[in-house]
Amino acid sequence: MRPNAERAVEQNRPPLVPEAASPCVGVCLLDAGTGLCRGCLRTMAEIANWPTLDLAEKRRLLAQLPHRRALTDPAMPP
C-alpha cells in the first residue's frame, strides 16, 4: 500500500497533515497568580486561539508546557 501523501497526490487532494492534540485535560481552572490554566498550563488566549494555530505554532506551545509545569510545580522536572 502506498503512503497517504502519494495517494492524496494521485487523487488530487492535499496530503494529510498530522494534527497536534490539544493539551486540555478537562481541568479548566485559571490560576489568578500565573494566568495559566491549572490543567493544561495555557493562558486563556492560548486556549481560545488553539483551533486557529498552525501545526508549528501548536508544537511551539506544546514544547513550552513542561517548563511551565516546572515553574508552577517545582516537584515536577521539565
Protein backbone atom coordinates (compact mmCIF):
# COMPACT_ATOMS: atom_id res chain seq x y z
CA MET A 1 0.00 0.00 0.00
CA ARG A 2 1.31 3.47 -0.89
CA PRO A 3 1.85 6.21 1.73
CA ASN A 4 -1.01 8.66 2.31
CA ALA A 5 0.86 11.53 0.63
CA GLU A 6 1.25 9.59 -2.63
CA ARG A 7 -2.40 8.54 -2.66
CA ALA A 8 -3.50 12.12 -1.91
CA VAL A 9 -1.48 13.49 -4.85
CA GLU A 10 -2.90 10.84 -7.17
CA GLN A 11 -6.41 11.76 -6.05
CA ASN A 12 -5.66 15.48 -6.49
CA ARG A 13 -6.01 16.22 -2.77
CA PRO A 14 -3.51 17.76 -0.37
CA PRO A 15 -1.70 15.18 1.78
CA LEU A 16 -2.97 14.69 5.31
CA VAL A 17 -1.12 16.79 7.86
CA PRO A 18 -0.78 15.31 11.32
CA GLU A 19 -2.55 17.42 13.90
CA ALA A 20 -1.17 18.30 17.32
CA ALA A 21 -3.51 17.09 20.04
CA SER A 22 -4.83 19.67 22.45
CA PRO A 23 -3.14 19.56 25.85
CA CYS A 24 -6.53 20.03 27.54
CA VAL A 25 -7.05 17.52 30.36
CA GLY A 26 -10.52 18.70 31.36
CA VAL A 27 -9.35 20.57 34.49
CA CYS A 28 -10.30 24.09 33.49
CA LEU A 29 -9.33 26.42 36.31
CA LEU A 30 -7.31 29.57 35.77
CA ASP A 31 -4.70 30.37 38.37
CA ALA A 32 -5.01 34.07 39.29
CA GLY A 33 -1.30 34.32 40.11
CA THR A 34 0.09 32.88 36.89
CA GLY A 35 -2.80 33.41 34.47
CA LEU A 36 -2.39 29.78 33.41
CA CYS A 37 -4.96 27.01 33.40
CA ARG A 38 -4.07 24.59 36.19
CA GLY A 39 -4.88 21.64 33.94
CA CYS A 40 -3.21 22.40 30.61
CA LEU A 41 -0.92 25.30 31.61
CA ARG A 42 -2.12 27.55 28.78
CA THR A 43 -3.34 31.13 29.03
CA MET A 44 -6.92 32.00 28.14
CA ALA A 45 -5.69 33.49 24.85
CA GLU A 46 -3.75 30.31 24.00
CA ILE A 47 -6.79 28.16 24.79
CA ALA A 48 -9.08 30.38 22.70
CA ASN A 49 -6.64 30.52 19.77
CA TRP A 50 -5.74 26.80 19.73
CA PRO A 51 -8.12 25.89 16.87
CA THR A 52 -6.64 28.58 14.61
CA LEU A 53 -2.94 27.94 15.32
CA ASP A 54 -0.96 26.20 12.63
CA LEU A 55 0.91 22.99 13.41
CA ALA A 56 4.24 24.74 14.03
CA GLU A 57 2.63 27.18 16.48
CA LYS A 58 0.91 24.33 18.31
CA ARG A 59 4.17 22.41 18.57
CA ARG A 60 5.98 25.51 19.90
CA LEU A 61 3.32 25.95 22.55
CA LEU A 62 3.36 22.26 23.48
CA ALA A 63 7.15 22.44 23.87
CA GLN A 64 6.76 25.22 26.47
CA LEU A 65 4.40 23.26 28.72
CA PRO A 66 6.98 21.12 30.58
CA HIS A 67 8.87 24.29 31.53
CA ARG A 68 5.67 25.94 32.70
CA ARG A 69 4.89 22.83 34.77
CA ALA A 70 8.29 23.09 36.45
CA LEU A 71 7.66 26.77 37.26
CA THR A 72 4.22 26.12 38.71
CA ASP A 73 5.09 22.81 40.42
CA PRO A 74 8.77 22.69 41.47
CA ALA A 75 8.44 18.98 42.29
CA MET A 76 7.88 18.21 38.56
CA PRO A 77 11.05 18.17 36.40
CA PRO A 78 10.81 19.93 32.99
